[in-house]
């Protein structure tokens, strides 16, 4: 199972990064080139589940 974090920014942009065990939120913010206060929402997504035909 592959998990991703989906971040929604105030300008409406959505940035997605792969979840890595042991990675801290500060490291994720560096990858996203943003800060915690710029995030409107965070969702944890299982991309394999989302791609299965219904």
C-alpha atoms as a PDB file:
ATOM      1  CA  UNK A   1       0.000   0.000   0.000  1.00  0.00           C
ATOM      2  CA  UNK A   2       1.389   3.389  -1.025  1.00  0.00           C
ATOM      3  CA  UNK A   3       0.292   6.344   1.075  1.00  0.00           C
ATOM      4  CA  UNK A   4       0.541  10.003   0.148  1.00  0.00           C
ATOM      5  CA  UNK A   5      -0.086  13.250   1.998  1.00  0.00           C
ATOM      6  CA  UNK A   6      -2.132  15.797   0.062  1.00  0.00           C
ATOM      7  CA  UNK A   7      -1.674  19.408   1.166  1.00  0.00           C
ATOM      8  CA  UNK A   8      -4.069  22.191   0.116  1.00  0.00           C
ATOM      9  CA  UNK A   9      -2.513  25.654   0.103  1.00  0.00           C
ATOM     10  CA  UNK A  10      -4.328  28.998   0.561  1.00  0.00           C
ATOM     11  CA  UNK A  11      -3.997  29.814  -3.150  1.00  0.00           C
ATOM     12  CA  UNK A  12      -5.893  26.611  -4.016  1.00  0.00           C
ATOM     13  CA  UNK A  13      -2.855  24.646  -5.182  1.00  0.00           C
ATOM     14  CA  UNK A  14      -2.597  21.027  -4.091  1.00  0.00           C
ATOM     15  CA  UNK A  15       0.781  19.458  -3.397  1.00  0.00           C
ATOM     16  CA  UNK A  16       1.238  15.719  -2.866  1.00  0.00           C
ATOM     17  CA  UNK A  17       4.197  13.881  -1.356  1.00  0.00           C
ATOM     18  CA  UNK A  18       4.772  10.214  -0.615  1.00  0.00           C
ATOM     19  CA  UNK A  19       4.581   9.222   3.061  1.00  0.00           C
ATOM     20  CA  UNK A  20       7.963   8.051   4.348  1.00  0.00           C
ATOM     21  CA  UNK A  21       8.128   6.358   7.753  1.00  0.00           C
ATOM     22  CA  UNK A  22      10.091   8.448  10.230  1.00  0.00           C
ATOM     23  CA  UNK A  23       9.908  11.713   8.257  1.00  0.00           C
ATOM     24  CA  UNK A  24       8.950  14.724  10.356  1.00  0.00           C
ATOM     25  CA  UNK A  25       6.504  17.476   9.347  1.00  0.00           C
ATOM     26  CA  UNK A  26       9.406  19.943   9.114  1.00  0.00           C
ATOM     27  CA  UNK A  27      11.063  17.756   6.475  1.00  0.00           C
ATOM     28  CA  UNK A  28       7.784  17.554   4.533  1.00  0.00           C
ATOM     29  CA  UNK A  29       7.472  21.342   4.598  1.00  0.00           C
ATOM     30  CA  UNK A  30      10.986  21.638   3.121  1.00  0.00           C
ATOM     31  CA  UNK A  31       9.996  19.240   0.315  1.00  0.00           C
ATOM     32  CA  UNK A  32       6.861  21.297  -0.346  1.00  0.00           C
ATOM     33  CA  UNK A  33       8.813  24.567  -0.148  1.00  0.00           C
ATOM     34  CA  UNK A  34       6.221  25.991   2.268  1.00  0.00           C
ATOM     35  CA  UNK A  35       5.552  26.400   5.991  1.00  0.00           C
ATOM     36  CA  UNK A  36       2.990  24.839   8.331  1.00  0.00           C
ATOM     37  CA  UNK A  37       1.017  28.081   8.584  1.00  0.00           C
ATOM     38  CA  UNK A  38       0.484  28.055   4.789  1.00  0.00           C
ATOM     39  CA  UNK A  39      -1.397  24.723   4.838  1.00  0.00           C
ATOM     40  CA  UNK A  40      -5.205  24.841   4.790  1.00  0.00           C
ATOM     41  CA  UNK A  41      -5.792  21.099   4.969  1.00  0.00           C
ATOM     42  CA  UNK A  42      -3.939  17.782   4.960  1.00  0.00           C
ATOM     43  CA  UNK A  43      -5.334  14.453   3.778  1.00  0.00           C
ATOM     44  CA  UNK A  44      -3.790  10.996   3.904  1.00  0.00           C
ATOM     45  CA  UNK A  45      -4.521   9.130   0.669  1.00  0.00           C
ATOM     46  CA  UNK A  46      -4.102   5.519  -0.426  1.00  0.00           C
ATOM     47  CA  UNK A  47      -3.559   6.016  -4.164  1.00  0.00           C
ATOM     48  CA  UNK A  48      -3.952   2.285  -4.923  1.00  0.00           C
ATOM     49  CA  UNK A  49      -7.409   2.276  -3.341  1.00  0.00           C
ATOM     50  CA  UNK A  50      -8.425   5.419  -5.220  1.00  0.00           C
ATOM     51  CA  UNK A  51      -7.411   3.918  -8.591  1.00  0.00           C
ATOM     52  CA  UNK A  52      -9.410   0.676  -8.227  1.00  0.00           C
ATOM     53  CA  UNK A  53     -12.419   0.463 -10.569  1.00  0.00           C
ATOM     54  CA  UNK A  54     -15.751   0.763  -8.815  1.00  0.00           C
END
